[in-house]
């Protein structure tokens, strides 16, 4: 099983059964939410969208509205929640909170808005109540194998990525 990935990804997994959300404040109404299940996480590519669809903000934006590069349909995620950027000389990726209401968390630490924080493979991120893992593109195949080993008890769903960003396991 090989997965061609050319960008880092965020793997958004459903919280374990019985875990309650931390945040309840939301300004979103009337949208049908695309959410991960225990058997099928959502995989989001960390990259700019095609020309003409990109946000005017530098970097790669993550938020709830369709004008973001990475769209996360969750009521606890702000319209423009966070921005990702890559340092071209070192290849190190960074995330910065964009002044979101419910905060951006990196490995359990609340980020100061506007201050980029370096990301390394399998960093734990939280945007509001959305828990995600940052996976470097070079480590994605190993991440899939590890994920399958942890979830081999039940369904045979596999997370995967296709061109265009947000995808479901299949």
N, C-alpha and C. Protein backbone atom coordinates (compact mmCIF):
# COMPACT_ATOMS: atom_id res chain seq x y z
N UNK A 1 0.86 -1.17 0.00
CA UNK A 1 0.00 0.00 0.00
C UNK A 1 0.91 1.23 0.00
N UNK A 2 0.93 1.97 -1.10
CA UNK A 2 1.75 3.16 -1.21
C UNK A 2 0.84 4.36 -1.42
N UNK A 3 1.15 5.45 -0.78
CA UNK A 3 0.38 6.68 -0.89
C UNK A 3 1.33 7.78 -1.35
N UNK A 4 1.04 8.37 -2.50
CA UNK A 4 1.88 9.45 -3.01
C UNK A 4 1.46 10.77 -2.37
N UNK A 5 2.32 11.33 -1.57
CA UNK A 5 2.05 12.60 -0.91
C UNK A 5 3.25 13.50 -1.17
N UNK A 6 2.99 14.71 -1.64
CA UNK A 6 4.08 15.65 -1.93
C UNK A 6 4.11 16.82 -0.96
N UNK A 7 3.16 16.87 -0.05
CA UNK A 7 3.08 17.95 0.94
C UNK A 7 2.88 17.33 2.31
N UNK A 8 3.21 18.06 3.36
CA UNK A 8 2.83 17.56 4.68
C UNK A 8 1.30 17.52 4.78
N UNK A 9 0.80 16.75 5.72
CA UNK A 9 -0.65 16.63 5.89
C UNK A 9 -1.02 16.82 7.35
N UNK A 10 -2.29 17.14 7.57
CA UNK A 10 -2.89 17.13 8.89
C UNK A 10 -3.85 15.95 8.91
N UNK A 11 -3.72 15.07 9.87
CA UNK A 11 -4.63 13.94 10.01
C UNK A 11 -5.57 14.27 11.17
N UNK A 12 -6.85 14.48 10.83
CA UNK A 12 -7.88 14.85 11.80
C UNK A 12 -8.62 13.58 12.17
N UNK A 13 -8.44 13.12 13.39
CA UNK A 13 -9.10 11.91 13.86
C UNK A 13 -10.24 12.25 14.80
N UNK A 14 -11.25 11.43 14.80
CA UNK A 14 -12.37 11.61 15.73
C UNK A 14 -11.87 11.36 17.15
N UNK A 15 -12.39 12.12 18.12
CA UNK A 15 -11.99 11.86 19.51
C UNK A 15 -12.53 10.51 19.97
N UNK A 16 -11.88 9.88 20.94
CA UNK A 16 -12.38 8.61 21.46
C UNK A 16 -13.80 8.75 21.99
N UNK A 17 -14.53 7.65 21.99
CA UNK A 17 -15.91 7.64 22.48
C UNK A 17 -15.95 8.17 23.91
N UNK A 18 -16.92 9.02 24.21
CA UNK A 18 -17.12 9.54 25.55
C UNK A 18 -16.33 10.79 25.88
N UNK A 19 -15.45 11.23 24.98
CA UNK A 19 -14.68 12.45 25.23
C UNK A 19 -15.53 13.65 24.85
N UNK A 20 -15.70 14.58 25.79
CA UNK A 20 -16.53 15.76 25.55
C UNK A 20 -15.69 16.88 24.97
N UNK A 21 -16.28 17.71 24.10
CA UNK A 21 -15.53 18.85 23.56
C UNK A 21 -15.14 19.83 24.66
N UNK A 22 -14.02 20.52 24.44
CA UNK A 22 -13.56 21.53 25.40
C UNK A 22 -14.28 22.84 25.21
N UNK A 23 -14.59 23.17 23.96
CA UNK A 23 -15.18 24.46 23.64
C UNK A 23 -16.60 24.28 23.14
N UNK A 24 -17.47 25.22 23.46
CA UNK A 24 -18.83 25.15 22.95
C UNK A 24 -19.19 26.40 22.17
N UNK A 25 -18.38 27.46 22.25
CA UNK A 25 -18.69 28.70 21.56
C UNK A 25 -18.52 28.52 20.06
N UNK A 26 -19.53 28.94 19.32
CA UNK A 26 -19.51 28.81 17.88
C UNK A 26 -20.30 29.93 17.26
N UNK A 27 -19.86 30.38 16.09
CA UNK A 27 -20.64 31.36 15.34
C UNK A 27 -21.15 30.75 14.05
N UNK A 28 -21.03 29.45 13.91
CA UNK A 28 -21.41 28.77 12.68
C UNK A 28 -22.78 28.14 12.83
N UNK A 29 -23.64 28.37 11.85
CA UNK A 29 -24.96 27.75 11.86
C UNK A 29 -25.31 27.28 10.46
N UNK A 30 -26.11 26.23 10.37
CA UNK A 30 -26.69 25.81 9.11
C UNK A 30 -25.79 25.06 8.15
N UNK A 31 -24.57 24.69 8.54
CA UNK A 31 -23.72 23.95 7.62
C UNK A 31 -23.73 22.48 7.98
N UNK A 32 -23.66 21.63 6.95
CA UNK A 32 -23.51 20.21 7.22
C UNK A 32 -22.02 19.95 7.38
N UNK A 33 -21.65 19.32 8.45
CA UNK A 33 -20.24 19.15 8.77
C UNK A 33 -19.69 17.85 8.21
N UNK A 34 -18.51 17.94 7.60
CA UNK A 34 -17.74 16.78 7.20
C UNK A 34 -16.83 16.49 8.37
N UNK A 35 -17.03 15.35 9.01
CA UNK A 35 -16.28 15.06 10.23
C UNK A 35 -15.64 13.67 10.12
N UNK A 36 -14.52 13.49 10.80
CA UNK A 36 -13.92 12.16 10.81
C UNK A 36 -14.74 11.21 11.67
N UNK A 37 -14.60 9.93 11.40
CA UNK A 37 -15.19 8.90 12.25
C UNK A 37 -14.03 8.12 12.88
N UNK A 38 -14.35 7.25 13.82
CA UNK A 38 -13.29 6.45 14.45
C UNK A 38 -12.57 5.59 13.42
N UNK A 39 -13.30 5.13 12.39
CA UNK A 39 -12.70 4.27 11.37
C UNK A 39 -12.11 5.05 10.20
N UNK A 40 -12.52 6.30 10.02
CA UNK A 40 -12.07 7.07 8.85
C UNK A 40 -11.67 8.49 9.22
N UNK A 41 -10.38 8.70 9.47
CA UNK A 41 -9.94 10.08 9.72
C UNK A 41 -9.98 10.89 8.43
N UNK A 42 -9.98 12.19 8.56
CA UNK A 42 -9.88 13.06 7.39
C UNK A 42 -8.43 13.50 7.26
N UNK A 43 -7.93 13.51 6.04
CA UNK A 43 -6.56 13.90 5.77
C UNK A 43 -6.59 15.18 4.95
N UNK A 44 -5.90 16.20 5.43
CA UNK A 44 -5.89 17.50 4.76
C UNK A 44 -4.46 17.85 4.36
N UNK A 45 -4.26 18.14 3.08
CA UNK A 45 -2.93 18.51 2.61
C UNK A 45 -2.60 19.94 3.03
N UNK A 46 -1.38 20.15 3.50
CA UNK A 46 -0.93 21.48 3.89
C UNK A 46 -0.27 22.11 2.66
N UNK A 47 -1.09 22.78 1.86
CA UNK A 47 -0.60 23.43 0.64
C UNK A 47 -1.58 24.49 0.18
N UNK A 48 -1.09 25.39 -0.66
CA UNK A 48 -1.95 26.42 -1.25
C UNK A 48 -2.92 25.76 -2.21
N UNK A 49 -4.11 26.33 -2.31
CA UNK A 49 -5.08 25.84 -3.29
C UNK A 49 -4.67 26.32 -4.68
N UNK A 50 -5.29 25.77 -5.73
CA UNK A 50 -4.96 26.20 -7.10
C UNK A 50 -5.17 27.70 -7.30
N UNK A 51 -4.44 28.27 -8.26
CA UNK A 51 -4.54 29.70 -8.58
C UNK A 51 -6.00 30.13 -8.71
N UNK A 52 -6.29 31.31 -8.26
CA UNK A 52 -7.64 31.85 -8.34
C UNK A 52 -8.50 31.51 -7.15
N UNK A 53 -8.13 30.47 -6.40
CA UNK A 53 -8.91 30.06 -5.23
C UNK A 53 -8.19 30.38 -3.93
N UNK A 54 -6.96 30.86 -4.03
CA UNK A 54 -6.16 31.05 -2.82
C UNK A 54 -6.54 32.30 -2.05
N UNK A 55 -6.25 32.25 -0.80
CA UNK A 55 -6.44 33.38 0.10
C UNK A 55 -5.38 34.44 -0.20
N UNK A 56 -5.72 35.72 -0.05
CA UNK A 56 -4.72 36.76 -0.26
C UNK A 56 -3.68 36.84 0.86
N UNK A 57 -3.88 36.09 1.92
CA UNK A 57 -2.96 36.09 3.07
C UNK A 57 -1.72 35.26 2.72
N UNK A 58 -0.51 35.75 3.05
CA UNK A 58 0.68 34.93 2.82
C UNK A 58 0.62 33.66 3.67
N UNK A 59 1.26 32.62 3.22
CA UNK A 59 1.24 31.36 3.93
C UNK A 59 0.03 30.54 3.53
N UNK A 60 -0.18 29.47 4.23
CA UNK A 60 -1.28 28.53 3.96
C UNK A 60 -2.26 28.67 5.11
N UNK A 61 -3.45 29.17 4.80
CA UNK A 61 -4.43 29.45 5.86
C UNK A 61 -5.30 28.24 6.16
N UNK A 62 -5.66 28.08 7.44
CA UNK A 62 -6.59 27.06 7.89
C UNK A 62 -7.73 27.78 8.60
N UNK A 63 -8.95 27.42 8.24
CA UNK A 63 -10.11 28.02 8.88
C UNK A 63 -11.39 27.36 8.42
N UNK A 64 -12.49 27.90 8.89
CA UNK A 64 -13.81 27.33 8.65
C UNK A 64 -14.42 27.74 7.32
N UNK A 65 -14.03 28.89 6.77
CA UNK A 65 -14.68 29.41 5.57
C UNK A 65 -13.99 28.92 4.30
N UNK A 66 -14.73 28.88 3.19
CA UNK A 66 -14.21 28.31 1.95
C UNK A 66 -13.05 29.07 1.32
N UNK A 67 -12.77 30.28 1.75
CA UNK A 67 -11.65 31.02 1.15
C UNK A 67 -10.30 30.68 1.78
N UNK A 68 -10.27 29.74 2.71
CA UNK A 68 -9.01 29.26 3.28
C UNK A 68 -8.40 28.18 2.40
N UNK A 69 -7.09 28.00 2.52
CA UNK A 69 -6.42 26.93 1.78
C UNK A 69 -6.80 25.56 2.35
N UNK A 70 -6.93 25.47 3.66
CA UNK A 70 -7.35 24.25 4.35
C UNK A 70 -8.66 24.57 5.06
N UNK A 71 -9.74 23.92 4.64
CA UNK A 71 -11.05 24.20 5.22
C UNK A 71 -11.39 23.10 6.22
N UNK A 72 -11.65 23.50 7.46
CA UNK A 72 -12.02 22.58 8.54
C UNK A 72 -13.41 22.98 8.99
N UNK A 73 -14.39 22.17 8.64
CA UNK A 73 -15.79 22.49 8.94
C UNK A 73 -16.14 22.04 10.35
N UNK A 74 -15.79 22.88 11.30
CA UNK A 74 -16.09 22.61 12.70
C UNK A 74 -16.47 23.92 13.36
N UNK A 75 -17.54 23.92 14.18
CA UNK A 75 -18.00 25.18 14.77
C UNK A 75 -17.02 25.82 15.75
N UNK A 76 -16.04 25.08 16.26
CA UNK A 76 -15.08 25.67 17.19
C UNK A 76 -13.84 26.22 16.49
N UNK A 77 -13.79 26.06 15.17
CA UNK A 77 -12.69 26.61 14.38
C UNK A 77 -13.12 27.98 13.88
N UNK A 78 -12.23 28.97 14.01
CA UNK A 78 -12.54 30.33 13.56
C UNK A 78 -12.55 30.41 12.04
N UNK A 79 -13.14 31.50 11.55
CA UNK A 79 -13.20 31.70 10.09
C UNK A 79 -11.81 31.61 9.47
N UNK A 80 -10.85 32.34 10.02
CA UNK A 80 -9.43 32.19 9.69
C UNK A 80 -8.74 31.91 11.02
N UNK A 81 -8.30 30.68 11.20
CA UNK A 81 -7.86 30.22 12.52
C UNK A 81 -6.33 30.24 12.67
N UNK A 82 -5.62 29.70 11.68
CA UNK A 82 -4.16 29.57 11.78
C UNK A 82 -3.53 29.65 10.40
N UNK A 83 -2.22 29.88 10.38
CA UNK A 83 -1.48 29.93 9.13
C UNK A 83 -0.24 29.05 9.23
N UNK A 84 0.01 28.29 8.17
CA UNK A 84 1.21 27.46 8.06
C UNK A 84 2.17 28.12 7.09
N UNK A 85 3.47 27.96 7.35
CA UNK A 85 4.48 28.46 6.42
C UNK A 85 5.69 27.55 6.49
N UNK A 86 6.46 27.54 5.40
CA UNK A 86 7.67 26.73 5.34
C UNK A 86 8.87 27.66 5.18
N UNK A 87 9.90 27.41 5.96
CA UNK A 87 11.15 28.14 5.82
C UNK A 87 11.90 27.46 4.68
N UNK A 88 12.05 28.16 3.56
CA UNK A 88 12.58 27.55 2.34
C UNK A 88 14.00 27.01 2.48
N UNK A 89 14.85 27.66 3.26
CA UNK A 89 16.24 27.22 3.36
C UNK A 89 16.41 25.96 4.20
N UNK A 90 15.57 25.79 5.21
CA UNK A 90 15.71 24.63 6.10
C UNK A 90 14.64 23.58 5.88
N UNK A 91 13.52 23.96 5.26
CA UNK A 91 12.41 23.03 5.08
C UNK A 91 11.56 22.86 6.32
N UNK A 92 11.83 23.62 7.37
CA UNK A 92 11.06 23.51 8.61
C UNK A 92 9.72 24.22 8.41
N UNK A 93 8.65 23.55 8.85
CA UNK A 93 7.30 24.12 8.78
C UNK A 93 6.97 24.80 10.10
N UNK A 94 6.14 25.84 10.01
CA UNK A 94 5.70 26.61 11.17
C UNK A 94 4.19 26.74 11.15
N UNK A 95 3.60 26.90 12.33
CA UNK A 95 2.18 27.22 12.45
C UNK A 95 2.07 28.43 13.37
N UNK A 96 1.12 29.31 13.04
CA UNK A 96 0.86 30.49 13.88
C UNK A 96 -0.65 30.64 14.03
N UNK A 97 -1.09 30.94 15.23
CA UNK A 97 -2.50 31.24 15.47
C UNK A 97 -2.79 32.63 14.91
N UNK A 98 -3.93 32.77 14.25
CA UNK A 98 -4.30 34.06 13.64
C UNK A 98 -5.30 34.84 14.50
N UNK A 99 -5.19 34.72 15.82
CA UNK A 99 -6.10 35.43 16.71
C UNK A 99 -7.44 34.73 16.83
N UNK A 100 -7.44 33.41 16.73
CA UNK A 100 -8.68 32.64 16.80
C UNK A 100 -9.31 32.75 18.19
N UNK A 101 -10.62 32.51 18.26
CA UNK A 101 -11.33 32.61 19.54
C UNK A 101 -10.97 31.47 20.48
N UNK A 102 -10.91 30.24 19.96
CA UNK A 102 -10.68 29.07 20.81
C UNK A 102 -9.23 28.61 20.84
N UNK A 103 -8.35 29.31 20.16
CA UNK A 103 -6.93 29.04 20.25
C UNK A 103 -6.41 27.92 19.37
N UNK A 104 -5.10 27.97 19.17
CA UNK A 104 -4.35 26.92 18.49
C UNK A 104 -3.36 26.38 19.50
N UNK A 105 -3.31 25.06 19.60
CA UNK A 105 -2.46 24.39 20.58
C UNK A 105 -1.45 23.52 19.84
N UNK A 106 -0.20 23.52 20.31
CA UNK A 106 0.87 22.71 19.73
C UNK A 106 1.45 21.85 20.84
N UNK A 107 1.31 20.54 20.71
CA UNK A 107 1.80 19.60 21.74
C UNK A 107 1.36 20.01 23.14
N UNK A 108 0.09 20.43 23.26
CA UNK A 108 -0.50 20.76 24.55
C UNK A 108 -0.26 22.18 25.04
N UNK A 109 0.44 23.00 24.27
CA UNK A 109 0.73 24.37 24.68
C UNK A 109 -0.05 25.35 23.81
N UNK A 110 -0.76 26.27 24.46
CA UNK A 110 -1.51 27.29 23.73
C UNK A 110 -0.54 28.26 23.07
N UNK A 111 -0.72 28.49 21.76
CA UNK A 111 0.17 29.39 21.03
C UNK A 111 -0.23 30.84 21.23
N UNK A 112 0.76 31.70 21.26
CA UNK A 112 0.53 33.15 21.30
C UNK A 112 0.18 33.58 19.89
N UNK A 113 -0.96 34.26 19.69
CA UNK A 113 -1.35 34.67 18.33
C UNK A 113 -0.24 35.46 17.63
N UNK A 114 -0.05 35.11 16.35
CA UNK A 114 0.91 35.81 15.52
C UNK A 114 2.36 35.37 15.67
N UNK A 115 2.64 34.47 16.60
CA UNK A 115 4.02 34.02 16.82
C UNK A 115 4.20 32.60 16.25
N UNK A 116 4.91 32.46 15.11
CA UNK A 116 5.09 31.13 14.50
C UNK A 116 5.86 30.18 15.41
N UNK A 117 5.42 28.92 15.41
CA UNK A 117 6.04 27.86 16.19
C UNK A 117 6.46 26.75 15.24
N UNK A 118 7.71 26.24 15.35
CA UNK A 118 8.15 25.19 14.43
C UNK A 118 7.38 23.89 14.64
N UNK A 119 7.14 23.19 13.54
CA UNK A 119 6.44 21.91 13.56
C UNK A 119 7.40 20.81 13.12
N UNK A 120 7.36 19.71 13.81
CA UNK A 120 8.15 18.56 13.41
C UNK A 120 7.19 17.40 13.24
N UNK A 121 7.65 16.33 12.60
CA UNK A 121 6.79 15.21 12.26
C UNK A 121 6.03 14.70 13.48
N UNK A 122 4.77 14.45 13.28
CA UNK A 122 3.82 13.93 14.27
C UNK A 122 3.57 14.88 15.43
N UNK A 123 3.69 16.17 15.16
CA UNK A 123 3.33 17.16 16.17
C UNK A 123 1.82 17.11 16.38
N UNK A 124 1.41 17.22 17.62
CA UNK A 124 -0.02 17.24 17.96
C UNK A 124 -0.51 18.69 17.89
N UNK A 125 -1.59 18.91 17.14
CA UNK A 125 -2.18 20.24 17.00
C UNK A 125 -3.64 20.19 17.39
N UNK A 126 -4.13 21.30 17.92
CA UNK A 126 -5.57 21.42 18.20
C UNK A 126 -6.00 22.81 17.76
N UNK A 127 -7.06 22.85 16.97
CA UNK A 127 -7.68 24.08 16.51
C UNK A 127 -9.09 24.06 17.07
N UNK A 128 -9.37 24.82 18.14
CA UNK A 128 -10.65 24.68 18.82
C UNK A 128 -10.74 23.27 19.38
N UNK A 129 -11.77 22.52 18.98
CA UNK A 129 -11.91 21.13 19.41
C UNK A 129 -11.37 20.13 18.40
N UNK A 130 -10.80 20.59 17.30
CA UNK A 130 -10.29 19.70 16.26
C UNK A 130 -8.87 19.28 16.62
N UNK A 131 -8.70 17.97 16.82
CA UNK A 131 -7.40 17.40 17.11
C UNK A 131 -6.80 16.86 15.82
N UNK A 132 -5.57 17.25 15.53
CA UNK A 132 -4.92 16.81 14.30
C UNK A 132 -3.46 16.50 14.57
N UNK A 133 -2.89 15.68 13.71
CA UNK A 133 -1.48 15.36 13.78
C UNK A 133 -0.81 15.88 12.51
N UNK A 134 0.27 16.64 12.67
CA UNK A 134 1.05 17.12 11.53
C UNK A 134 1.99 16.00 11.12
N UNK A 135 1.89 15.57 9.85
CA UNK A 135 2.72 14.48 9.35
C UNK A 135 3.51 14.98 8.15
N UNK A 136 4.83 14.91 8.23
CA UNK A 136 5.68 15.30 7.12
C UNK A 136 5.45 14.35 5.95
N UNK A 137 5.52 14.87 4.72
CA UNK A 137 5.22 14.04 3.56
C UNK A 137 6.15 12.83 3.47
N UNK A 138 7.40 12.96 3.91
CA UNK A 138 8.34 11.84 3.82
C UNK A 138 8.00 10.72 4.80
N UNK A 139 7.19 11.00 5.81
CA UNK A 139 6.85 10.01 6.83
C UNK A 139 5.41 9.52 6.72
N UNK A 140 4.69 9.92 5.66
CA UNK A 140 3.27 9.59 5.58
C UNK A 140 3.02 8.09 5.47
N UNK A 141 3.80 7.38 4.64
CA UNK A 141 3.58 5.94 4.50
C UNK A 141 3.75 5.22 5.83
N UNK A 142 4.77 5.59 6.60
CA UNK A 142 4.96 4.97 7.91
C UNK A 142 3.81 5.32 8.85
N UNK A 143 3.32 6.56 8.77
CA UNK A 143 2.19 6.97 9.60
C UNK A 143 0.98 6.09 9.29
N UNK A 144 0.72 5.81 8.00
CA UNK A 144 -0.41 4.96 7.61
C UNK A 144 -0.24 3.56 8.19
N UNK A 145 0.95 2.99 8.08
CA UNK A 145 1.18 1.66 8.63
C UNK A 145 0.95 1.64 10.14
N UNK A 146 1.44 2.65 10.83
CA UNK A 146 1.23 2.74 12.28
C UNK A 146 -0.25 2.91 12.61
N UNK A 147 -0.96 3.73 11.83
CA UNK A 147 -2.39 3.96 12.04
C UNK A 147 -3.15 2.65 11.87
N UNK A 148 -2.83 1.90 10.81
CA UNK A 148 -3.51 0.63 10.56
C UNK A 148 -3.24 -0.36 11.70
N UNK A 149 -2.04 -0.38 12.22
CA UNK A 149 -1.72 -1.28 13.33
C UNK A 149 -2.54 -0.93 14.57
N UNK A 150 -2.72 0.37 14.83
CA UNK A 150 -3.50 0.81 16.00
C UNK A 150 -4.99 0.55 15.83
N UNK A 151 -5.48 0.55 14.60
CA UNK A 151 -6.91 0.46 14.34
C UNK A 151 -7.30 -0.84 13.65
N UNK A 152 -6.51 -1.89 13.79
CA UNK A 152 -6.76 -3.13 13.06
C UNK A 152 -7.89 -3.98 13.64
N UNK A 153 -8.45 -3.57 14.77
CA UNK A 153 -9.49 -4.37 15.42
C UNK A 153 -10.80 -4.42 14.63
N UNK A 154 -11.15 -3.34 13.94
CA UNK A 154 -12.49 -3.27 13.36
C UNK A 154 -12.49 -3.09 11.87
N UNK A 155 -12.98 -1.94 11.44
CA UNK A 155 -13.19 -1.66 10.02
C UNK A 155 -11.87 -1.68 9.25
N UNK A 156 -11.99 -1.86 7.95
CA UNK A 156 -10.82 -1.90 7.09
C UNK A 156 -10.57 -0.57 6.39
N UNK A 157 -11.15 0.49 6.87
CA UNK A 157 -10.96 1.79 6.23
C UNK A 157 -9.51 2.24 6.35
N UNK A 158 -9.06 2.94 5.33
CA UNK A 158 -7.69 3.45 5.29
C UNK A 158 -7.72 4.92 4.96
N UNK A 159 -7.04 5.75 5.74
CA UNK A 159 -6.96 7.16 5.37
C UNK A 159 -6.10 7.30 4.13
N UNK A 160 -6.47 8.20 3.23
CA UNK A 160 -5.66 8.42 2.03
C UNK A 160 -5.82 9.85 1.55
N UNK A 161 -4.93 10.23 0.66
CA UNK A 161 -4.93 11.59 0.13
C UNK A 161 -5.03 11.53 -1.37
N UNK A 162 -5.80 12.42 -1.95
CA UNK A 162 -5.85 12.58 -3.40
C UNK A 162 -5.60 14.04 -3.72
N UNK A 163 -5.41 14.36 -5.00
CA UNK A 163 -5.24 15.76 -5.39
C UNK A 163 -6.44 16.55 -4.92
N UNK A 164 -6.22 17.74 -4.43
CA UNK A 164 -7.32 18.62 -4.08
C UNK A 164 -7.56 18.80 -2.60
N UNK A 165 -6.79 18.16 -1.74
CA UNK A 165 -6.91 18.47 -0.33
C UNK A 165 -7.72 17.50 0.47
N UNK A 166 -8.88 17.93 0.98
CA UNK A 166 -9.66 17.17 1.93
C UNK A 166 -10.15 15.87 1.31
N UNK A 167 -9.85 14.76 1.96
CA UNK A 167 -10.29 13.46 1.46
C UNK A 167 -10.74 12.59 2.62
N UNK A 168 -11.41 11.54 2.31
CA UNK A 168 -11.84 10.56 3.29
C UNK A 168 -11.07 9.27 3.08
N UNK A 169 -11.04 8.47 4.13
CA UNK A 169 -10.48 7.14 3.99
C UNK A 169 -11.41 6.32 3.12
N UNK A 170 -10.94 5.22 2.65
CA UNK A 170 -11.79 4.43 1.77
C UNK A 170 -11.50 2.98 1.84
